[in-house]
Amino acid sequence: MKSLMEEASTIFKAIEKGWINAGKPKEFSVKVYEEPEKNFIGMTTKPAKIGIFFEETQKAEQRSRYTKQADTQRPTPRPAPERERPAREPREVQKVEKKEPLPPKVIQESREPREPKEDLGPIWNDEMVASTKEWVAEILSLMGQGSVPFTINPKRFHLRIEFSGSVLENKDKQKHLFALLSGLIMTMLKRQHKRPLRGYKIVLTELVV
């Protein structure tokens, strides 16, 4: 039995990394020593640490070969003889006259025209926009990107936060960061203003000139 220690941002990535380095064994066991820790932005501050225990690939292949040879040496069972079934006596067949289907009844329903639903305006108010602006500015300051300008525009069911520059150089990481901040800001608005905000969405984008 061999073992490997691996670290990664998540437990799943650490297990996958250890499994590949171990030679992709078919049978293995995993023990989690340390779980990952993240800050309020969602960035990993402490990686996950796991141990993977496995057997050598050569021993596992030899065992599979021995089992295959044992299966081939076993005698194949003979099929059981078929029993003769007694002949059934013929039954009288009764003719059934087909009845023509009745024409479907036409039912007319009188439906009254429905009144159009009231067009509700946006639920975002000045207080919620101000709170969002304060939180975004604080998060950018903690990341060292306080000089990046941004605007907040409430549009019906969406609250758009548009940045005039890049927050992160890597576009994939920036996209992941925007998704985390969108969920975080929505949760904070629900708790502070005690509104469900069902069907509403916060969108963070970078303006491309």
C-alpha atoms as a PDB file:
ATOM      1  CA  MET A   1       0.000   0.000   0.000  1.00  0.00           C
ATOM      2  CA  LYS A   2       1.402   3.374  -1.051  1.00  0.00           C
ATOM      3  CA  SER A   3       0.258   6.904  -0.177  1.00  0.00           C
ATOM      4  CA  LEU A   4       0.575  10.445  -1.563  1.00  0.00           C
ATOM      5  CA  MET A   5      -0.126  13.861  -0.056  1.00  0.00           C
ATOM      6  CA  GLU A   6      -1.631  16.558  -2.314  1.00  0.00           C
ATOM      7  CA  GLU A   7      -2.816  20.162  -1.920  1.00  0.00           C
ATOM      8  CA  ALA A   8      -5.226  22.198  -4.082  1.00  0.00           C
ATOM      9  CA  SER A   9      -7.816  24.978  -3.862  1.00  0.00           C
ATOM     10  CA  THR A  10     -10.641  22.425  -3.392  1.00  0.00           C
ATOM     11  CA  ILE A  11     -10.893  18.878  -2.041  1.00  0.00           C
ATOM     12  CA  PHE A  12     -12.079  17.591  -5.437  1.00  0.00           C
ATOM     13  CA  LYS A  13      -9.083  19.103  -7.264  1.00  0.00           C
ATOM     14  CA  ALA A  14      -6.691  17.677  -4.658  1.00  0.00           C
ATOM     15  CA  ILE A  15      -8.184  14.178  -5.059  1.00  0.00           C
ATOM     16  CA  GLU A  16      -8.029  14.412  -8.849  1.00  0.00           C
ATOM     17  CA  LYS A  17      -4.400  15.587  -8.733  1.00  0.00           C
ATOM     18  CA  GLY A  18      -3.408  12.792  -6.343  1.00  0.00           C
ATOM     19  CA  TRP A  19      -5.220  10.162  -8.435  1.00  0.00           C
ATOM     20  CA  ILE A  20      -3.351  11.229 -11.600  1.00  0.00           C
ATOM     21  CA  ASN A  21       0.039  11.301  -9.835  1.00  0.00           C
ATOM     22  CA  ALA A  22      -0.641   7.832  -8.393  1.00  0.00           C
ATOM     23  CA  GLY A  23      -1.049   6.402 -11.892  1.00  0.00           C
ATOM     24  CA  LYS A  24      -4.878   6.441 -11.989  1.00  0.00           C
ATOM     25  CA  PRO A  25      -5.436   3.358  -9.791  1.00  0.00           C
ATOM     26  CA  LYS A  26      -8.793   1.579  -9.970  1.00  0.00           C
ATOM     27  CA  GLU A  27      -9.028   1.137  -6.204  1.00  0.00           C
ATOM     28  CA  PHE A  28      -7.907   3.783  -3.704  1.00  0.00           C
ATOM     29  CA  SER A  29      -8.965   5.491  -0.496  1.00  0.00           C
ATOM     30  CA  VAL A  30      -8.849   9.175   0.491  1.00  0.00           C
ATOM     31  CA  LYS A  31      -8.369  10.905   3.842  1.00  0.00           C
ATOM     32  CA  VAL A  32      -8.979  14.652   4.250  1.00  0.00           C
ATOM     33  CA  TYR A  33      -6.476  16.277   6.601  1.00  0.00           C
ATOM     34  CA  GLU A  34      -7.306  19.966   6.103  1.00  0.00           C
ATOM     35  CA  GLU A  35     -10.305  21.628   4.415  1.00  0.00           C
ATOM     36  CA  PRO A  36      -9.845  24.778   2.280  1.00  0.00           C
ATOM     37  CA  GLU A  37     -10.535  28.208   3.723  1.00  0.00           C
ATOM     38  CA  LYS A  38     -11.812  31.230   1.756  1.00  0.00           C
ATOM     39  CA  ASN A  39     -12.216  34.919   2.533  1.00  0.00           C
ATOM     40  CA  PHE A  40     -15.454  36.889   2.157  1.00  0.00           C
ATOM     41  CA  ILE A  41     -14.689  37.565  -1.526  1.00  0.00           C
ATOM     42  CA  GLY A  42     -14.424  33.849  -2.265  1.00  0.00           C
ATOM     43  CA  MET A  43     -10.662  33.634  -2.821  1.00  0.00           C
ATOM     44  CA  THR A  44      -8.811  30.644  -1.340  1.00  0.00           C
ATOM     45  CA  THR A  45      -6.541  31.600   1.557  1.00  0.00           C
ATOM     46  CA  LYS A  46      -5.674  28.068   2.716  1.00  0.00           C
ATOM     47  CA  PRO A  47      -5.574  25.056   0.331  1.00  0.00           C
ATOM     48  CA  ALA A  48      -7.171  21.684   0.967  1.00  0.00           C
ATOM     49  CA  LYS A  49      -4.809  18.885   2.060  1.00  0.00           C
ATOM     50  CA  ILE A  50      -5.626  15.216   1.444  1.00  0.00           C
ATOM     51  CA  GLY A  51      -3.917  11.825   1.486  1.00  0.00           C
ATOM     52  CA  ILE A  52      -4.566   9.135  -1.140  1.00  0.00           C
ATOM     53  CA  PHE A  53      -3.789   5.486  -0.404  1.00  0.00           C
ATOM     54  CA  PHE A  54      -3.508   2.959  -3.253  1.00  0.00           C
ATOM     55  CA  GLU A  55      -1.877  -0.258  -4.431  1.00  0.00           C
ATOM     56  CA  GLU A  56       0.702  -0.511  -7.191  1.00  0.00           C
ATOM     57  CA  THR A  57      -0.688  -0.798 -10.697  1.00  0.00           C
ATOM     58  CA  GLN A  58       1.367  -3.919 -11.510  1.00  0.00           C
ATOM     59  CA  LYS A  59      -0.073  -5.883  -8.568  1.00  0.00           C
ATOM     60  CA  ALA A  60      -3.617  -4.884  -9.517  1.00  0.00           C
ATOM     61  CA  GLU A  61      -3.043  -6.011 -13.132  1.00  0.00           C
ATOM     62  CA  GLN A  62      -1.602  -9.365 -12.003  1.00  0.00           C
ATOM     63  CA  ARG A  63      -4.658 -10.001  -9.845  1.00  0.00           C
ATOM     64  CA  SER A  64      -6.997  -9.218 -12.723  1.00  0.00           C
ATOM     65  CA  ARG A  65      -5.057 -11.636 -14.967  1.00  0.00           C
ATOM     66  CA  TYR A  66      -5.279 -14.451 -12.384  1.00  0.00           C
ATOM     67  CA  THR A  67      -9.039 -13.959 -12.045  1.00  0.00           C
ATOM     68  CA  LYS A  68      -9.474 -14.035 -15.848  1.00  0.00           C
ATOM     69  CA  GLN A  69      -7.495 -17.292 -16.126  1.00  0.00           C
ATOM     70  CA  ALA A  70      -9.560 -18.886 -13.348  1.00  0.00           C
ATOM     71  CA  ASP A  71     -12.763 -17.914 -15.119  1.00  0.00           C
ATOM     72  CA  THR A  72     -11.607 -19.450 -18.426  1.00  0.00           C
ATOM     73  CA  GLN A  73     -10.665 -22.754 -16.719  1.00  0.00           C
ATOM     74  CA  ARG A  74     -14.093 -23.193 -15.166  1.00  0.00           C
ATOM     75  CA  PRO A  75     -16.341 -25.642 -17.080  1.00  0.00           C
ATOM     76  CA  THR A  76     -19.274 -24.062 -18.846  1.00  0.00           C
ATOM     77  CA  PRO A  77     -22.623 -25.284 -17.476  1.00  0.00           C
ATOM     78  CA  ARG A  78     -24.739 -27.406 -19.788  1.00  0.00           C
ATOM     79  CA  PRO A  79     -28.139 -26.051 -20.758  1.00  0.00           C
ATOM     80  CA  ALA A  80     -31.092 -27.768 -19.162  1.00  0.00           C
ATOM     81  CA  PRO A  81     -33.187 -29.962 -21.526  1.00  0.00           C
ATOM     82  CA  GLU A  82     -36.373 -28.350 -22.755  1.00  0.00           C
ATOM     83  CA  ARG A  83     -39.597 -29.854 -21.555  1.00  0.00           C
ATOM     84  CA  GLU A  84     -42.287 -30.691 -24.005  1.00  0.00           C
ATOM     85  CA  ARG A  85     -45.348 -28.518 -23.554  1.00  0.00           C
ATOM     86  CA  PRO A  86     -48.773 -30.202 -23.825  1.00  0.00           C
ATOM     87  CA  ALA A  87     -50.763 -29.241 -26.869  1.00  0.00           C
ATOM     88  CA  ARG A  88     -53.643 -26.906 -26.100  1.00  0.00           C
ATOM     89  CA  GLU A  89     -57.109 -27.616 -27.306  1.00  0.00           C
ATOM     90  CA  PRO A  90     -58.432 -25.167 -29.893  1.00  0.00           C
ATOM     91  CA  ARG A  91     -60.916 -22.640 -28.575  1.00  0.00           C
ATOM     92  CA  GLU A  92     -63.951 -21.291 -30.323  1.00  0.00           C
ATOM     93  CA  VAL A  93     -63.430 -17.805 -31.645  1.00  0.00           C
ATOM     94  CA  GLN A  94     -66.342 -15.452 -31.212  1.00  0.00           C
ATOM     95  CA  LYS A  95     -66.803 -12.692 -33.724  1.00  0.00           C
ATOM     96  CA  VAL A  96     -67.114  -9.232 -32.256  1.00  0.00           C
ATOM     97  CA  GLU A  97     -68.871  -6.612 -34.266  1.00  0.00           C
ATOM     98  CA  LYS A  98     -67.070  -3.278 -34.402  1.00  0.00           C
ATOM     99  CA  LYS A  99     -69.114  -0.280 -33.400  1.00  0.00           C
ATOM    100  CA  GLU A 100     -68.641   2.970 -35.210  1.00  0.00           C
ATOM    101  CA  PRO A 101     -67.222   5.660 -32.910  1.00  0.00           C
ATOM    102  CA  LEU A 102     -69.562   8.456 -31.948  1.00  0.00           C
ATOM    103  CA  PRO A 103     -68.697  11.924 -33.256  1.00  0.00           C
ATOM    104  CA  PRO A 104     -66.960  14.059 -30.641  1.00  0.00           C
ATOM    105  CA  LYS A 105     -69.028  16.682 -28.919  1.00  0.00           C
ATOM    106  CA  VAL A 106     -68.021  20.234 -29.554  1.00  0.00           C
ATOM    107  CA  ILE A 107     -68.012  22.320 -26.403  1.00  0.00           C
ATOM    108  CA  GLN A 108     -67.736  26.034 -26.770  1.00  0.00           C
ATOM    109  CA  GLU A 109     -66.356  27.934 -23.842  1.00  0.00           C
ATOM    110  CA  SER A 110     -66.941  31.598 -23.482  1.00  0.00           C
ATOM    111  CA  ARG A 111     -63.721  33.140 -22.236  1.00  0.00           C
ATOM    112  CA  GLU A 112     -63.704  36.671 -21.052  1.00  0.00           C
ATOM    113  CA  PRO A 113     -60.663  38.743 -22.029  1.00  0.00           C
ATOM    114  CA  ARG A 114     -58.177  38.958 -19.212  1.00  0.00           C
ATOM    115  CA  GLU A 115     -57.062  42.311 -18.008  1.00  0.00           C
ATOM    116  CA  PRO A 116     -53.350  42.974 -18.524  1.00  0.00           C
ATOM    117  CA  LYS A 117     -51.218  42.781 -15.416  1.00  0.00           C
ATOM    118  CA  GLU A 118     -50.072  46.007 -13.908  1.00  0.00           C
ATOM    119  CA  ASP A 119     -46.642  47.002 -15.177  1.00  0.00           C
ATOM    120  CA  LEU A 120     -44.520  47.212 -12.070  1.00  0.00           C
ATOM    121  CA  GLY A 121     -41.500  49.461 -12.084  1.00  0.00           C
ATOM    122  CA  PRO A 122     -38.043  48.586 -10.770  1.00  0.00           C
ATOM    123  CA  ILE A 123     -37.758  47.663  -7.105  1.00  0.00           C
ATOM    124  CA  TRP A 124     -34.298  49.213  -6.696  1.00  0.00           C
ATOM    125  CA  ASN A 125     -34.454  52.389  -4.615  1.00  0.00           C
ATOM    126  CA  ASP A 126     -31.841  55.064  -3.877  1.00  0.00           C
ATOM    127  CA  GLU A 127     -30.929  53.497  -0.519  1.00  0.00           C
ATOM    128  CA  MET A 128     -30.190  50.098  -2.079  1.00  0.00           C
ATOM    129  CA  VAL A 129     -28.109  51.689  -4.860  1.00  0.00           C
ATOM    130  CA  ALA A 130     -26.116  53.688  -2.294  1.00  0.00           C
ATOM    131  CA  SER A 131     -25.439  50.580  -0.196  1.00  0.00           C
ATOM    132  CA  THR A 132     -24.278  48.662  -3.277  1.00  0.00           C
ATOM    133  CA  LYS A 133     -21.961  51.493  -4.312  1.00  0.00           C
ATOM    134  CA  GLU A 134     -20.403  51.605  -0.835  1.00  0.00           C
ATOM    135  CA  TRP A 135     -19.800  47.826  -0.758  1.00  0.00           C
ATOM    136  CA  VAL A 136     -18.243  47.713  -4.236  1.00  0.00           C
ATOM    137  CA  ALA A 137     -15.906  50.604  -3.409  1.00  0.00           C
ATOM    138  CA  GLU A 138     -14.834  48.857  -0.179  1.00  0.00           C
ATOM    139  CA  ILE A 139     -14.168  45.555  -1.981  1.00  0.00           C
ATOM    140  CA  LEU A 140     -12.093  47.281  -4.693  1.00  0.00           C
ATOM    141  CA  SER A 141     -10.093  49.077  -2.007  1.00  0.00           C
ATOM    142  CA  LEU A 142      -9.322  45.773  -0.220  1.00  0.00           C
ATOM    143  CA  MET A 143      -8.167  44.284  -3.540  1.00  0.00           C
ATOM    144  CA  GLY A 144      -5.899  47.258  -4.247  1.00  0.00           C
ATOM    145  CA  GLN A 145      -8.060  48.362  -7.210  1.00  0.00           C
ATOM    146  CA  GLY A 146      -9.650  51.429  -5.643  1.00  0.00           C
ATOM    147  CA  SER A 147      -8.738  53.566  -8.680  1.00  0.00           C
ATOM    148  CA  VAL A 148     -11.021  51.620 -11.049  1.00  0.00           C
ATOM    149  CA  PRO A 149     -14.141  53.798 -11.684  1.00  0.00           C
ATOM    150  CA  PHE A 150     -17.585  52.219 -11.915  1.00  0.00           C
ATOM    151  CA  THR A 151     -21.239  53.210 -12.292  1.00  0.00           C
ATOM    152  CA  ILE A 152     -24.467  51.594 -11.030  1.00  0.00           C
ATOM    153  CA  ASN A 153     -27.554  51.692 -13.257  1.00  0.00           C
ATOM    154  CA  PRO A 154     -30.895  50.164 -12.115  1.00  0.00           C
ATOM    155  CA  LYS A 155     -32.824  48.855 -15.142  1.00  0.00           C
ATOM    156  CA  ARG A 156     -36.110  47.116 -14.328  1.00  0.00           C
ATOM    157  CA  PHE A 157     -35.192  43.715 -12.890  1.00  0.00           C
ATOM    158  CA  HIS A 158     -31.417  44.168 -13.313  1.00  0.00           C
ATOM    159  CA  LEU A 159     -28.950  46.261 -11.329  1.00  0.00           C
ATOM    160  CA  ARG A 160     -25.977  46.791 -13.649  1.00  0.00           C
ATOM    161  CA  ILE A 161     -22.541  47.596 -12.192  1.00  0.00           C
ATOM    162  CA  GLU A 162     -20.285  48.727 -15.042  1.00  0.00           C
ATOM    163  CA  PHE A 163     -16.506  49.096 -14.557  1.00  0.00           C
ATOM    164  CA  SER A 164     -14.540  51.495 -16.778  1.00  0.00           C
ATOM    165  CA  GLY A 165     -11.403  49.344 -16.510  1.00  0.00           C
ATOM    166  CA  SER A 166     -10.214  45.828 -15.739  1.00  0.00           C
ATOM    167  CA  VAL A 167     -10.348  44.675 -12.120  1.00  0.00           C
ATOM    168  CA  LEU A 168      -8.137  41.621 -12.822  1.00  0.00           C
ATOM    169  CA  GLU A 169      -5.750  41.040 -15.738  1.00  0.00           C
ATOM    170  CA  ASN A 170      -6.969  37.474 -16.285  1.00  0.00           C
ATOM    171  CA  LYS A 171     -10.399  37.671 -17.947  1.00  0.00           C
ATOM    172  CA  ASP A 172     -11.486  34.209 -16.738  1.00  0.00           C
ATOM    173  CA  LYS A 173     -10.635  35.056 -13.120  1.00  0.00           C
ATOM    174  CA  GLN A 174     -12.390  38.415 -13.477  1.00  0.00           C
ATOM    175  CA  LYS A 175     -15.533  36.691 -14.787  1.00  0.00           C
ATOM    176  CA  HIS A 176     -15.476  34.310 -11.808  1.00  0.00           C
ATOM    177  CA  LEU A 177     -14.959  37.250  -9.419  1.00  0.00           C
ATOM    178  CA  PHE A 178     -17.925  39.148 -10.908  1.00  0.00           C
ATOM    179  CA  ALA A 179     -20.175  36.086 -10.414  1.00  0.00           C
ATOM    180  CA  LEU A 180     -19.116  35.782  -6.750  1.00  0.00           C
ATOM    181  CA  LEU A 181     -19.631  39.501  -6.083  1.00  0.00           C
ATOM    182  CA  SER A 182     -23.083  39.391  -7.726  1.00  0.00           C
ATOM    183  CA  GLY A 183     -24.301  36.674  -5.344  1.00  0.00           C
ATOM    184  CA  LEU A 184     -22.621  38.312  -2.332  1.00  0.00           C
ATOM    185  CA  ILE A 185     -24.164  41.742  -2.956  1.00  0.00           C
ATOM    186  CA  MET A 186     -27.618  40.221  -3.564  1.00  0.00           C
ATOM    187  CA  THR A 187     -27.435  38.339  -0.237  1.00  0.00           C
ATOM    188  CA  MET A 188     -26.377  41.501   1.642  1.00  0.00           C
ATOM    189  CA  LEU A 189     -29.237  43.525   0.095  1.00  0.00           C
ATOM    190  CA  LYS A 190     -31.795  40.874   1.100  1.00  0.00           C
ATOM    191  CA  ARG A 191     -30.578  40.865   4.694  1.00  0.00           C
ATOM    192  CA  GLN A 192     -30.284  44.647   5.103  1.00  0.00           C
ATOM    193  CA  HIS A 193     -33.525  45.695   3.373  1.00  0.00           C
ATOM    194  CA  LYS A 194     -35.509  42.509   4.159  1.00  0.00           C
ATOM    195  CA  ARG A 195     -36.788  41.977   0.621  1.00  0.00           C
ATOM    196  CA  PRO A 196     -36.955  38.637  -1.209  1.00  0.00           C
ATOM    197  CA  LEU A 197     -35.785  40.117  -4.576  1.00  0.00           C
ATOM    198  CA  ARG A 198     -37.114  37.033  -6.343  1.00  0.00           C
ATOM    199  CA  GLY A 199     -36.526  37.251 -10.112  1.00  0.00           C
ATOM    200  CA  TYR A 200     -34.103  40.182  -9.773  1.00  0.00           C
ATOM    201  CA  LYS A 201     -30.440  40.010 -10.760  1.00  0.00           C
ATOM    202  CA  ILE A 202     -27.196  41.958 -10.259  1.00  0.00           C
ATOM    203  CA  VAL A 203     -24.902  42.065 -13.304  1.00  0.00           C
ATOM    204  CA  LEU A 204     -21.227  43.138 -13.158  1.00  0.00           C
ATOM    205  CA  THR A 205     -19.569  43.968 -16.494  1.00  0.00           C
ATOM    206  CA  GLU A 206     -16.503  45.723 -17.864  1.00  0.00           C
ATOM    207  CA  LEU A 207     -17.099  48.443 -20.429  1.00  0.00           C
ATOM    208  CA  VAL A 208     -15.091  47.758 -23.578  1.00  0.00           C
ATOM    209  CA  VAL A 209     -14.152  50.952 -25.423  1.00  0.00           C
END
